[in-house]
Amino acid sequence: MNQCGADSGQSQGKRIDEGSLLIGSLNKITKVIAVMSGKGGVGKSSISSILAANLSQNGYQVGVLDADITGPSIAKAFGVKAGTCTASEYGLNPPLSKGGIKILSINLLLENEDDPVVWRGPLIAGAIKQFWEETNWGHLDYLVVDLPPGTGDAALTVLQSLPVSGVVIVSSPQELSLMVVKKAIKMVKKMDINILGLIENMSYVECPDCGKKIELFGNASGERVSAEMSIPFLGSIAWDNQINKLMDAGEIEFYKKLNTVDKIVDLI
């Protein structure tokens, strides 16, 4: 973490040690939403980004914590570059996106965005806890936490260490994906944490000529699985190439408003 900040490592580290009692002490975060999926490749980071962006568009103060330490994508999605994160006696200072969303991701602390983070579980868990405990988030109405796929150390750290208000589960129509996602749902239930509901991403694609919905990845099953698992179904989201373009361009926060976000706000 020494690369975060413009001052020399030794003097900067000394100031952080002296102000350790102040780290995070001024934070006031009203709600923490974790976005989770047992399966990779279902668009969880896209949903996390759009959720945060839509909340911001609704006038809320929002931050995003990228807990996917080994596969981070949030900084790029919001167009936030390495070197824009600083440090002070209050901890890490998350930079702002173009729309004013506070962003913190391991990629902001790397020399090159494609440098790998080859860490074992305890180091990953420690980094996530530092992002929560030693970051000057200030006042936020919502902190969205983008979890990596699976039910391992990172997910456990977030669900056990952070005051999670609710979990959003992301899936896609494939039966294989739904099978693995059920594992994540059962994990959250065992930990007695509120599940806000399930979003089925890439549920269909709409033909630009006739408007017909084409189910590219199999029959939409999110509503059925939600009923089986006794959790709310938050809705289906179509495959939209505009999402890919905006993620690559670092402008995902300008994606259109989704009704799904209003449902989440109502449930939390």
Protein backbone atom coordinates (compact mmCIF):
# COMPACT_ATOMS: atom_id res chain seq x y z
CA MET A 1 0.00 0.00 0.00
CA ASN A 2 3.04 2.28 0.17
CA GLN A 3 2.50 3.47 -3.39
CA CYS A 4 -0.69 5.27 -2.37
CA GLY A 5 0.17 8.91 -1.80
CA ALA A 6 2.51 11.52 -3.17
CA ASP A 7 4.88 11.83 -0.17
CA SER A 8 7.82 9.59 0.64
CA GLY A 9 6.93 6.24 2.14
CA GLN A 10 8.72 6.75 5.46
CA SER A 11 7.35 10.19 6.32
CA GLN A 12 3.89 9.28 5.06
CA GLY A 13 3.84 6.07 7.05
CA LYS A 14 4.89 7.95 10.20
CA ARG A 15 2.01 10.38 9.87
CA ILE A 16 -0.45 7.53 9.40
CA ASP A 17 0.89 5.79 12.51
CA GLU A 18 0.59 8.97 14.58
CA GLY A 19 -2.96 9.49 13.39
CA SER A 20 -4.03 5.87 13.64
CA LEU A 21 -6.76 6.73 16.13
CA LEU A 22 -8.25 9.06 13.52
CA ILE A 23 -8.31 6.57 10.66
CA GLY A 24 -11.91 6.14 9.59
CA SER A 25 -13.15 7.93 12.72
CA LEU A 26 -15.01 10.57 10.72
CA ASN A 27 -16.73 8.09 8.44
CA LYS A 28 -20.50 8.00 8.42
CA ILE A 29 -21.73 5.30 6.06
CA THR A 30 -25.45 4.71 6.26
CA LYS A 31 -25.86 1.58 4.14
CA VAL A 32 -23.42 -1.05 2.84
CA ILE A 33 -24.58 -3.13 -0.13
CA ALA A 34 -22.52 -6.16 -1.14
CA VAL A 35 -22.91 -7.42 -4.71
CA MET A 36 -22.16 -11.11 -4.94
CA SER A 37 -22.24 -14.09 -7.27
CA GLY A 38 -20.87 -17.56 -6.83
CA LYS A 39 -20.05 -17.68 -10.54
CA GLY A 40 -17.61 -15.53 -12.51
CA GLY A 41 -18.53 -13.95 -15.81
CA VAL A 42 -22.10 -13.03 -14.97
CA GLY A 43 -21.50 -9.28 -15.00
CA LYS A 44 -21.30 -8.71 -11.26
CA SER A 45 -18.91 -5.77 -11.55
CA SER A 46 -21.11 -4.24 -14.24
CA ILE A 47 -24.14 -4.50 -11.95
CA SER A 48 -22.12 -3.09 -9.01
CA SER A 49 -21.07 -0.13 -11.16
CA ILE A 50 -24.54 0.55 -12.54
CA LEU A 51 -26.08 0.23 -9.07
CA ALA A 52 -23.63 2.79 -7.65
CA ALA A 53 -24.12 5.08 -10.65
CA ASN A 54 -27.90 4.96 -10.45
CA LEU A 55 -27.84 5.66 -6.72
CA SER A 56 -25.65 8.66 -7.41
CA GLN A 57 -28.04 9.81 -10.14
CA ASN A 58 -30.80 9.68 -7.53
CA GLY A 59 -28.91 12.23 -5.46
CA TYR A 60 -27.25 9.94 -2.92
CA GLN A 61 -23.63 10.18 -1.79
CA VAL A 62 -22.05 6.94 -3.01
CA GLY A 63 -18.76 5.05 -2.82
CA VAL A 64 -17.58 1.79 -4.38
CA LEU A 65 -15.15 -0.58 -2.66
CA ASP A 66 -13.62 -3.05 -5.09
CA ALA A 67 -13.13 -6.20 -3.00
CA ASP A 68 -12.04 -8.22 -6.01
CA ILE A 69 -8.36 -7.87 -5.17
CA THR A 70 -6.99 -10.29 -7.76
CA GLY A 71 -9.37 -9.31 -10.58
CA PRO A 72 -10.24 -5.65 -10.06
CA SER A 73 -12.24 -3.76 -12.68
CA ILE A 74 -14.06 -0.98 -10.83
CA ALA A 75 -11.39 1.72 -11.27
CA LYS A 76 -11.28 1.19 -15.03
CA ALA A 77 -15.07 1.11 -15.29
CA PHE A 78 -15.26 4.55 -13.68
CA GLY A 79 -12.24 5.97 -15.50
CA VAL A 80 -10.20 6.51 -12.31
CA LYS A 81 -6.45 6.21 -12.82
CA ALA A 82 -3.59 5.02 -10.63
CA GLY A 83 -1.87 7.84 -8.78
CA THR A 84 -5.12 9.65 -7.95
CA CYS A 85 -5.35 7.96 -4.53
CA THR A 86 -3.61 9.83 -1.71
CA ALA A 87 -3.05 9.17 1.99
CA SER A 88 -3.22 11.30 5.12
CA GLU A 89 -3.50 10.87 8.87
CA TYR A 90 -7.12 9.89 8.26
CA GLY A 91 -6.13 6.97 6.03
CA LEU A 92 -6.49 6.45 2.29
CA ASN A 93 -8.38 9.12 0.37
CA PRO A 94 -10.49 7.51 -2.36
CA PRO A 95 -10.50 9.54 -5.59
CA LEU A 96 -13.71 10.73 -7.20
CA SER A 97 -15.12 9.59 -10.49
CA LYS A 98 -16.34 12.13 -13.03
CA GLY A 99 -19.77 11.98 -11.45
CA GLY A 100 -18.52 12.35 -7.87
CA ILE A 101 -18.54 8.69 -6.76
CA LYS A 102 -15.73 7.71 -4.37
CA ILE A 103 -13.72 4.79 -5.74
CA LEU A 104 -11.21 2.51 -4.05
CA SER A 105 -9.58 -0.42 -5.83
CA ILE A 106 -6.25 -2.21 -5.60
CA ASN A 107 -5.56 -1.09 -9.18
CA LEU A 108 -5.21 2.48 -7.92
CA LEU A 109 -2.20 1.32 -5.88
CA LEU A 110 -0.39 -0.58 -8.63
CA GLU A 111 2.25 0.87 -10.92
CA ASN A 112 0.55 -0.67 -13.96
CA GLU A 113 -3.11 -1.60 -14.14
CA ASP A 114 -2.27 -5.01 -15.62
CA ASP A 115 0.23 -5.95 -12.87
CA PRO A 116 -0.97 -9.15 -11.17
CA VAL A 117 -1.73 -9.33 -7.46
CA VAL A 118 -0.43 -12.74 -6.43
CA TRP A 119 -1.54 -12.97 -2.81
CA ARG A 120 -2.78 -15.71 -0.55
CA GLY A 121 -6.07 -15.45 1.31
CA PRO A 122 -4.86 -13.69 4.50
CA LEU A 123 -3.25 -10.86 2.51
CA ILE A 124 -6.40 -10.42 0.43
CA ALA A 125 -8.52 -10.32 3.57
CA GLY A 126 -6.15 -7.79 5.14
CA ALA A 127 -6.35 -5.51 2.12
CA ILE A 128 -10.16 -5.55 2.17
CA LYS A 129 -10.22 -4.72 5.87
CA GLN A 130 -7.78 -1.86 5.28
CA PHE A 131 -9.97 -0.52 2.48
CA TRP A 132 -12.84 -0.44 4.97
CA GLU A 133 -11.14 0.53 8.23
CA GLU A 134 -8.33 2.80 7.01
CA THR A 135 -10.08 4.79 4.32
CA ASN A 136 -11.45 8.29 4.67
CA TRP A 137 -14.85 7.60 3.12
CA GLY A 138 -16.43 10.53 4.93
CA HIS A 139 -20.22 10.70 4.67
CA LEU A 140 -21.84 8.19 2.34
CA ASP A 141 -25.46 7.21 1.96
CA TYR A 142 -24.40 4.00 0.22
CA LEU A 143 -21.16 2.05 -0.07
CA VAL A 144 -21.37 -0.60 -2.79
CA VAL A 145 -18.92 -3.48 -2.32
CA ASP A 146 -18.04 -5.46 -5.45
CA LEU A 147 -17.13 -8.98 -4.34
CA PRO A 148 -15.09 -11.50 -6.33
CA PRO A 149 -16.84 -14.68 -7.46
CA GLY A 150 -17.06 -17.58 -5.06
CA THR A 151 -17.55 -18.10 -1.35
CA GLY A 152 -13.93 -17.83 -0.20
CA ASP A 153 -11.83 -15.53 1.97
CA ALA A 154 -12.81 -12.26 0.32
CA ALA A 155 -16.54 -12.89 0.62
CA LEU A 156 -16.16 -14.09 4.21
CA THR A 157 -14.12 -11.01 5.14
CA VAL A 158 -16.72 -8.62 3.77
CA LEU A 159 -19.72 -10.42 5.24
CA GLN A 160 -18.07 -10.87 8.66
CA SER A 161 -16.13 -7.60 9.01
CA LEU A 162 -18.34 -4.98 7.37
CA PRO A 163 -21.80 -3.90 8.58
CA VAL A 164 -23.51 -5.21 5.44
CA SER A 165 -27.07 -3.92 5.16
CA GLY A 166 -27.98 -6.28 2.36
CA VAL A 167 -26.62 -8.50 -0.40
CA VAL A 168 -27.56 -8.35 -4.08
CA ILE A 169 -27.08 -11.66 -5.88
CA VAL A 170 -26.22 -11.57 -9.61
CA SER A 171 -26.79 -14.49 -11.93
CA SER A 172 -27.26 -15.30 -15.61
CA PRO A 173 -29.71 -17.73 -17.24
CA GLN A 174 -27.41 -20.76 -17.63
CA GLU A 175 -28.27 -23.67 -15.35
CA LEU A 176 -24.56 -24.04 -14.52
CA SER A 177 -24.44 -20.44 -13.35
CA LEU A 178 -27.62 -20.81 -11.33
CA MET A 179 -26.30 -23.94 -9.61
CA VAL A 180 -23.19 -22.11 -8.40
CA VAL A 181 -25.14 -18.98 -7.48
CA LYS A 182 -27.32 -21.06 -5.19
CA LYS A 183 -24.18 -21.82 -3.18
CA ALA A 184 -23.64 -18.10 -2.63
CA ILE A 185 -27.27 -17.64 -1.58
CA LYS A 186 -27.01 -20.48 0.93
CA MET A 187 -23.76 -19.04 2.31
CA VAL A 188 -25.34 -15.64 2.94
CA LYS A 189 -28.37 -17.26 4.56
CA LYS A 190 -26.15 -19.31 6.88
CA MET A 191 -24.50 -16.06 7.97
CA ASP A 192 -27.95 -14.59 8.64
CA ILE A 193 -27.39 -11.56 6.41
CA ASN A 194 -30.24 -9.89 4.56
CA ILE A 195 -30.50 -10.84 0.87
CA LEU A 196 -32.09 -7.99 -1.04
CA GLY A 197 -32.75 -10.20 -4.01
CA LEU A 198 -31.48 -11.68 -7.25
CA ILE A 199 -30.80 -9.90 -10.53
CA GLU A 200 -30.65 -11.99 -13.68
CA ASN A 201 -28.10 -10.34 -15.94
CA MET A 202 -27.81 -10.94 -19.70
CA SER A 203 -31.27 -12.46 -19.54
CA TYR A 204 -31.98 -11.74 -23.20
CA VAL A 205 -31.03 -9.52 -26.09
CA GLU A 206 -33.58 -7.36 -27.85
CA CYS A 207 -33.58 -7.42 -31.65
CA PRO A 208 -32.94 -3.85 -32.86
CA ASP A 209 -35.23 -4.37 -35.87
CA CYS A 210 -38.32 -6.12 -34.53
CA GLY A 211 -37.92 -5.77 -30.76
CA LYS A 212 -38.18 -9.51 -30.18
CA LYS A 213 -36.47 -10.81 -27.05
CA ILE A 214 -33.92 -13.51 -27.83
CA GLU A 215 -32.67 -15.67 -24.94
CA LEU A 216 -29.04 -16.13 -25.93
CA PHE A 217 -27.92 -18.01 -22.84
CA GLY A 218 -30.94 -20.22 -22.21
CA ASN A 219 -34.39 -19.76 -20.75
CA ALA A 220 -34.70 -16.98 -18.22
CA SER A 221 -34.80 -18.72 -14.85
CA GLY A 222 -34.03 -15.97 -12.33
CA GLU A 223 -37.60 -15.62 -11.15
CA ARG A 224 -37.97 -19.39 -10.69
CA VAL A 225 -34.70 -19.70 -8.76
CA SER A 226 -35.61 -16.73 -6.56
CA ALA A 227 -38.87 -18.44 -5.66
CA GLU A 228 -37.07 -21.72 -4.95
CA MET A 229 -34.58 -19.96 -2.67
CA SER A 230 -37.26 -17.75 -1.06
CA ILE A 231 -35.59 -14.45 -1.95
CA PRO A 232 -36.98 -11.47 -3.87
CA PHE A 233 -36.56 -11.35 -7.63
CA LEU A 234 -35.27 -7.90 -8.54
CA GLY A 235 -35.68 -8.25 -12.28
CA SER A 236 -33.96 -9.19 -15.52
CA ILE A 237 -31.43 -7.07 -17.39
CA ALA A 238 -30.89 -7.47 -21.11
CA TRP A 239 -27.49 -8.02 -22.67
CA ASP A 240 -26.56 -4.54 -23.82
CA ASN A 241 -23.39 -3.79 -25.76
CA GLN A 242 -23.60 -0.21 -24.47
CA ILE A 243 -22.60 -1.51 -21.05
CA ASN A 244 -19.43 -3.05 -22.50
CA LYS A 245 -18.56 0.15 -24.34
CA LEU A 246 -19.07 2.34 -21.27
CA MET A 247 -17.09 -0.01 -19.01
CA ASP A 248 -14.17 0.03 -21.45
CA ALA A 249 -14.35 3.81 -21.80
CA GLY A 250 -14.48 4.41 -18.03
CA GLU A 251 -17.93 5.98 -18.25
CA ILE A 252 -20.24 3.33 -16.80
CA GLU A 253 -21.75 5.85 -14.40
CA PHE A 254 -23.53 7.45 -17.34
CA TYR A 255 -25.51 4.32 -18.17
CA LYS A 256 -29.30 4.65 -18.24
CA LYS A 257 -31.44 4.41 -15.13
CA LEU A 258 -32.66 0.94 -14.13
CA ASN A 259 -35.88 0.28 -12.22
CA THR A 260 -34.02 -2.48 -10.37
CA VAL A 261 -32.21 0.15 -8.30
CA ASP A 262 -35.46 1.59 -6.96
CA LYS A 263 -36.47 -1.90 -5.85
CA ILE A 264 -33.19 -2.30 -3.96
CA VAL A 265 -33.58 1.05 -2.22
CA ASP A 266 -37.11 0.10 -1.19
CA LEU A 267 -35.95 -3.24 0.26
CA ILE A 268 -32.89 -2.07 2.17
